[in-house]
């Protein structure tokens, strides 16, 4: 074996998993492999991670000398067969086709209907953040996984397996290793791209106080219609949560990245204060007139 070959094999991450590609691996091993090759935390194996994965896979499959040409041939062959989205990168479900994995675990990533908006994300968040901590804890993540598997007809999954899936999910998506999921991390798990802050990107709030009454009313209508996803003429539930979060970000009170680690805790605190002042009739919803009062905070 050449020096080049020995050095390459020494760097081969997949050598830790000799059964990779040959028999089903458990969720723990799969999550470790995914985390290693998703080197840029993009939610995909792409760029350098993609080339490294196929190089390591070829070295695991063959005892012959590995050349760049052979790696390219293997990559082209596998991407033609397994890159279902034809986007030149590997998603979690696509990797599971290359490296057979615990079927129930992969079911968690195969969704018939993806969430389409941040309001839907907020609705799901409120359902599982039962203690209103601003995080999805291990126990709450277990409830989410259990419900998701039940929707797929898998109602008798042993508790030990649920705990294994929770641990694997956290390894993949808990990027700051704090043992629970923030809203941003949950959004990554659900493969939903959070919407940009409407109040900022639309400039609907810029120099609001300088507008004429007619222009101000028109802007108010645009803001209200954006958050009234259900077209009920009220903001309620998750619609209020998203509006409050965007209001916090617009006012500079929620510093850092969008949906940062403790953003939901801040949203709930600010929401309580906001509703006390603006929910005049105490119905737990915001009418257009009440939203106008909320916006007036920033005049």
Protein backbone atom coordinates (compact mmCIF):
# COMPACT_ATOMS: atom_id res chain seq x y z
CA UNK A 1 0.00 0.00 0.00
CA UNK A 2 1.42 3.39 -0.99
CA UNK A 3 2.21 6.16 1.49
CA UNK A 4 -0.49 8.25 -0.17
CA UNK A 5 -2.98 5.43 0.28
CA UNK A 6 -2.10 4.90 3.97
CA UNK A 7 -2.40 8.61 4.73
CA UNK A 8 -5.76 8.86 2.97
CA UNK A 9 -7.09 5.83 4.82
CA UNK A 10 -5.98 7.29 8.14
CA UNK A 11 -8.11 10.37 7.42
CA UNK A 12 -11.13 8.31 6.38
CA UNK A 13 -13.97 9.09 8.79
CA UNK A 14 -16.12 6.24 7.51
CA UNK A 15 -13.55 3.66 8.61
CA UNK A 16 -15.19 3.95 12.05
CA UNK A 17 -18.31 2.42 10.51
CA UNK A 18 -17.23 -0.70 8.56
CA UNK A 19 -20.86 -1.72 7.94
CA UNK A 20 -21.74 1.64 6.31
CA UNK A 21 -23.61 0.98 3.08
CA UNK A 22 -23.81 -2.75 3.77
CA UNK A 23 -26.39 -3.06 6.55
CA UNK A 24 -28.80 -0.76 8.39
CA UNK A 25 -27.09 1.51 10.88
CA UNK A 26 -28.71 2.98 13.96
CA UNK A 27 -29.73 6.61 14.41
CA UNK A 28 -26.69 7.45 16.53
CA UNK A 29 -24.16 6.37 13.90
CA UNK A 30 -26.12 8.01 11.10
CA UNK A 31 -26.26 11.34 12.98
CA UNK A 32 -22.51 11.23 13.61
CA UNK A 33 -21.81 10.66 9.91
CA UNK A 34 -24.22 13.41 8.89
CA UNK A 35 -22.75 15.91 11.33
CA UNK A 36 -19.23 15.18 10.09
CA UNK A 37 -19.90 15.65 6.39
CA UNK A 38 -22.33 18.57 6.75
CA UNK A 39 -19.19 20.53 7.52
CA UNK A 40 -20.64 23.98 6.81
CA UNK A 41 -23.90 23.40 8.74
CA UNK A 42 -25.96 24.05 5.61
CA UNK A 43 -28.37 21.20 6.29
CA UNK A 44 -26.91 19.34 3.30
CA UNK A 45 -23.73 17.52 2.34
CA UNK A 46 -22.32 19.83 -0.29
CA UNK A 47 -19.15 21.57 -1.43
CA UNK A 48 -16.03 20.08 0.21
CA UNK A 49 -18.11 17.77 2.38
CA UNK A 50 -19.56 16.11 -0.71
CA UNK A 51 -16.15 15.33 -2.23
CA UNK A 52 -14.78 14.10 1.11
CA UNK A 53 -17.79 11.81 1.63
CA UNK A 54 -17.43 10.06 -1.72
CA UNK A 55 -13.67 9.76 -1.30
CA UNK A 56 -14.14 8.13 2.10
CA UNK A 57 -16.95 5.92 0.80
CA UNK A 58 -14.80 4.65 -2.07
CA UNK A 59 -11.91 3.95 0.28
CA UNK A 60 -14.28 1.98 2.51
CA UNK A 61 -15.66 0.00 -0.43
CA UNK A 62 -12.38 -0.78 -2.19
CA UNK A 63 -8.88 -1.87 -1.21
CA UNK A 64 -7.42 -0.54 -4.45
CA UNK A 65 -5.64 2.78 -4.75
CA UNK A 66 -8.07 5.69 -4.73
CA UNK A 67 -7.56 8.28 -7.46
CA UNK A 68 -9.40 11.57 -8.09
CA UNK A 69 -10.81 10.07 -11.30
CA UNK A 70 -12.33 7.10 -9.45
CA UNK A 71 -13.80 9.41 -6.81
CA UNK A 72 -15.37 11.57 -9.51
CA UNK A 73 -16.83 8.53 -11.27
CA UNK A 74 -18.34 7.24 -8.02
CA UNK A 75 -19.72 10.67 -7.16
CA UNK A 76 -21.29 11.11 -10.60
CA UNK A 77 -22.83 7.65 -10.45
CA UNK A 78 -24.29 8.05 -6.97
CA UNK A 79 -25.54 11.59 -7.55
CA UNK A 80 -27.30 10.47 -10.71
CA UNK A 81 -29.06 7.75 -8.75
CA UNK A 82 -29.68 9.35 -5.36
CA UNK A 83 -29.80 13.13 -5.80
CA UNK A 84 -33.59 13.17 -6.11
CA UNK A 85 -33.80 16.97 -5.99
CA UNK A 86 -31.11 17.28 -8.69
CA UNK A 87 -29.56 20.18 -6.76
CA UNK A 88 -26.00 18.82 -6.64
CA UNK A 89 -26.06 18.10 -2.91
CA UNK A 90 -27.22 15.37 -0.53
CA UNK A 91 -30.16 15.80 1.84
CA UNK A 92 -30.65 13.62 4.92
CA UNK A 93 -33.22 11.40 3.20
CA UNK A 94 -30.92 11.00 0.20
CA UNK A 95 -28.01 9.98 2.41
CA UNK A 96 -30.27 7.33 3.96
CA UNK A 97 -30.67 5.80 0.49
CA UNK A 98 -26.89 5.57 0.14
CA UNK A 99 -26.28 4.37 3.71
CA UNK A 100 -29.27 2.22 4.76
CA UNK A 101 -30.49 3.42 8.15
CA UNK A 102 -33.13 2.70 10.80
CA UNK A 103 -36.35 3.11 8.81
CA UNK A 104 -38.35 4.78 11.59
CA UNK A 105 -35.66 7.39 12.18
CA UNK A 106 -35.57 8.38 8.51
CA UNK A 107 -39.38 8.59 8.48
CA UNK A 108 -38.97 11.67 10.69
CA UNK A 109 -37.43 13.51 7.74
CA UNK A 110 -39.83 12.26 5.07
CA UNK A 111 -42.84 14.55 5.29
CA UNK A 112 -45.86 14.48 3.05
CA UNK A 113 -46.46 18.17 3.69
CA UNK A 114 -43.75 20.65 4.66
CA UNK A 115 -44.57 23.72 6.70
CA UNK A 116 -44.90 26.72 4.42
CA UNK A 117 -44.77 29.75 6.73
CA UNK A 118 -43.39 31.06 9.99
CA UNK A 119 -46.95 31.17 11.36
CA UNK A 120 -47.22 27.40 10.88
CA UNK A 121 -43.88 27.03 12.64
CA UNK A 122 -45.13 29.17 15.53
CA UNK A 123 -48.31 27.07 15.77
CA UNK A 124 -46.32 23.84 16.00
CA UNK A 125 -43.93 25.47 18.50
CA UNK A 126 -46.77 26.46 20.82
CA UNK A 127 -48.09 22.88 20.75
CA UNK A 128 -44.85 21.27 21.88
CA UNK A 129 -43.27 23.98 24.07
CA UNK A 130 -45.70 22.95 26.77
CA UNK A 131 -43.84 24.53 29.67
CA UNK A 132 -43.40 27.80 27.73
CA UNK A 133 -39.67 27.77 28.41
CA UNK A 134 -38.82 29.18 24.99
CA UNK A 135 -37.11 25.90 24.06
CA UNK A 136 -38.08 22.42 22.95
CA UNK A 137 -36.70 20.18 25.70
CA UNK A 138 -35.65 16.56 25.28
CA UNK A 139 -39.01 15.40 26.65
CA UNK A 140 -40.96 17.74 24.35
CA UNK A 141 -38.86 16.65 21.36
CA UNK A 142 -39.73 13.07 22.28
CA UNK A 143 -43.43 13.97 22.18
CA UNK A 144 -42.95 15.55 18.75
CA UNK A 145 -41.14 12.47 17.41
CA UNK A 146 -43.73 10.12 18.91
CA UNK A 147 -46.60 12.06 17.30
CA UNK A 148 -44.79 12.25 13.95
CA UNK A 149 -44.20 8.49 13.88
CA UNK A 150 -47.83 7.86 14.88
CA UNK A 151 -48.92 9.92 11.87
CA UNK A 152 -46.85 7.53 9.74
CA UNK A 153 -48.63 4.53 11.25
CA UNK A 154 -45.79 3.69 13.68
CA UNK A 155 -47.62 3.78 17.00
CA UNK A 156 -45.76 1.08 18.91
CA UNK A 157 -42.20 2.41 18.84
CA UNK A 158 -40.37 1.40 22.06
CA UNK A 159 -39.48 4.22 24.46
CA UNK A 160 -35.79 3.29 24.20
CA UNK A 161 -35.98 3.95 20.45
CA UNK A 162 -37.67 7.32 20.99
CA UNK A 163 -34.83 8.31 23.34
CA UNK A 164 -32.30 7.17 20.72
CA UNK A 165 -34.02 9.30 18.07
CA UNK A 166 -34.11 12.32 20.40
CA UNK A 167 -30.37 11.99 21.02
CA UNK A 168 -29.66 11.68 17.29
CA UNK A 169 -31.90 14.66 16.44
CA UNK A 170 -30.13 16.82 18.99
CA UNK A 171 -26.75 15.76 17.63
CA UNK A 172 -27.77 16.94 14.16
CA UNK A 173 -29.75 20.09 14.97
CA UNK A 174 -28.65 21.32 18.42
CA UNK A 175 -25.80 23.40 17.06
CA UNK A 176 -24.81 25.05 20.37
CA UNK A 177 -25.02 21.75 22.29
CA UNK A 178 -27.23 23.11 25.08
CA UNK A 179 -29.40 20.00 25.18
CA UNK A 180 -32.58 21.46 23.69
CA UNK A 181 -33.81 23.12 20.50
CA UNK A 182 -34.30 26.81 19.91
CA UNK A 183 -36.83 28.08 17.38
CA UNK A 184 -34.07 28.45 14.75
CA UNK A 185 -32.93 24.87 15.33
CA UNK A 186 -36.51 23.59 15.17
CA UNK A 187 -36.94 25.45 11.87
CA UNK A 188 -33.90 23.60 10.50
CA UNK A 189 -35.31 20.26 11.67
CA UNK A 190 -38.58 21.00 9.89
CA UNK A 191 -36.77 22.20 6.76
CA UNK A 192 -38.63 25.51 6.78
CA UNK A 193 -37.02 28.78 5.80
CA UNK A 194 -38.20 31.41 8.23
CA UNK A 195 -39.71 34.47 6.63
CA UNK A 196 -37.88 37.77 6.57
CA UNK A 197 -39.17 40.41 8.97
CA UNK A 198 -41.97 42.13 7.06
CA UNK A 199 -41.76 45.29 9.14
CA UNK A 200 -38.10 45.73 8.20
CA UNK A 201 -37.82 44.42 4.65
CA UNK A 202 -41.00 46.09 3.43
CA UNK A 203 -40.08 49.47 4.96
CA UNK A 204 -43.72 49.71 6.04
CA UNK A 205 -42.64 51.26 9.35
CA UNK A 206 -39.97 53.64 8.05
CA UNK A 207 -40.86 57.25 8.87
CA UNK A 208 -44.37 56.11 9.72
CA UNK A 209 -44.99 59.30 11.66
CA UNK A 210 -44.19 61.45 8.60
CA UNK A 211 -47.00 60.02 6.47
CA UNK A 212 -50.34 61.65 5.87
CA UNK A 213 -53.37 60.05 7.62
CA UNK A 214 -54.41 58.45 4.32
CA UNK A 215 -50.93 57.02 3.64
CA UNK A 216 -50.60 55.88 7.23
CA UNK A 217 -53.90 54.02 7.05
CA UNK A 218 -52.84 52.34 3.79
CA UNK A 219 -49.59 51.17 5.42
CA UNK A 220 -51.50 49.89 8.44
CA UNK A 221 -53.73 47.82 6.16
CA UNK A 222 -50.68 46.27 4.47
CA UNK A 223 -49.10 45.36 7.80
CA UNK A 224 -52.32 43.92 9.21
CA UNK A 225 -53.13 41.92 6.07
CA UNK A 226 -49.64 40.39 6.09
CA UNK A 227 -50.01 38.94 9.59
CA UNK A 228 -53.71 38.06 9.30
CA UNK A 229 -52.88 34.77 7.58
CA UNK A 230 -56.26 33.27 8.37
CA UNK A 231 -58.11 36.30 6.96
CA UNK A 232 -60.33 36.49 10.06
CA UNK A 233 -59.90 40.28 10.52
CA UNK A 234 -58.04 39.55 13.74
CA UNK A 235 -54.52 38.50 14.66
CA UNK A 236 -54.68 35.51 16.94
CA UNK A 237 -52.53 32.69 18.25
CA UNK A 238 -49.38 32.16 16.24
CA UNK A 239 -50.15 35.23 14.10
CA UNK A 240 -49.70 37.41 17.19
CA UNK A 241 -46.48 35.57 18.09
CA UNK A 242 -44.97 36.30 14.67
CA UNK A 243 -46.13 39.93 14.75
CA UNK A 244 -44.68 40.42 18.24
CA UNK A 245 -41.38 38.80 17.26
CA UNK A 246 -41.05 41.04 14.19
CA UNK A 247 -41.96 44.06 16.31
CA UNK A 248 -39.21 43.13 18.77
CA UNK A 249 -36.65 42.76 16.00
CA UNK A 250 -37.74 46.02 14.39
CA UNK A 251 -37.32 47.89 17.65
CA UNK A 252 -33.87 46.40 18.20
CA UNK A 253 -34.98 44.63 21.38
CA UNK A 254 -34.20 41.15 20.09
CA UNK A 255 -30.54 41.51 19.23
CA UNK A 256 -28.67 38.91 17.22
CA UNK A 257 -29.66 36.51 14.49
CA UNK A 258 -33.25 35.89 13.46
CA UNK A 259 -34.91 33.36 15.79
CA UNK A 260 -31.89 33.40 18.11
CA UNK A 261 -31.50 31.07 21.07
CA UNK A 262 -33.78 32.84 23.56
CA UNK A 263 -35.96 34.79 21.13
CA UNK A 264 -39.16 32.90 22.00
CA UNK A 265 -38.74 33.66 25.69
CA UNK A 266 -38.43 37.36 24.86
CA UNK A 267 -41.43 37.12 22.55
CA UNK A 268 -43.62 35.70 25.32
CA UNK A 269 -42.53 38.35 27.83
CA UNK A 270 -43.08 41.21 25.39
CA UNK A 271 -46.35 39.69 24.20
CA UNK A 272 -47.79 39.74 27.72
CA UNK A 273 -46.97 43.45 28.09
CA UNK A 274 -48.24 44.26 24.62
CA UNK A 275 -51.55 42.48 25.11
CA UNK A 276 -52.11 44.20 28.44
CA UNK A 277 -51.86 47.59 26.73
CA UNK A 278 -53.36 46.87 23.30
CA UNK A 279 -55.94 44.10 23.72
CA UNK A 280 -58.60 46.58 24.79
CA UNK A 281 -61.55 44.17 24.83
CA UNK A 282 -59.53 41.37 26.43
CA UNK A 283 -60.50 38.73 23.86
CA UNK A 284 -56.95 37.49 23.40
CA UNK A 285 -56.92 38.70 19.78
CA UNK A 286 -55.80 41.90 18.06
CA UNK A 287 -58.15 43.82 15.82
CA UNK A 288 -56.85 46.26 13.23
CA UNK A 289 -57.44 49.15 15.61
CA UNK A 290 -55.51 47.36 18.36
CA UNK A 291 -52.64 46.61 15.97
CA UNK A 292 -52.55 50.33 15.21
CA UNK A 293 -51.99 50.95 18.91
CA UNK A 294 -49.16 48.40 18.90
CA UNK A 295 -47.48 50.09 15.97
CA UNK A 296 -47.91 53.41 17.75
CA UNK A 297 -45.34 52.22 20.28
CA UNK A 298 -42.69 52.94 17.64
CA UNK A 299 -44.02 56.31 16.49
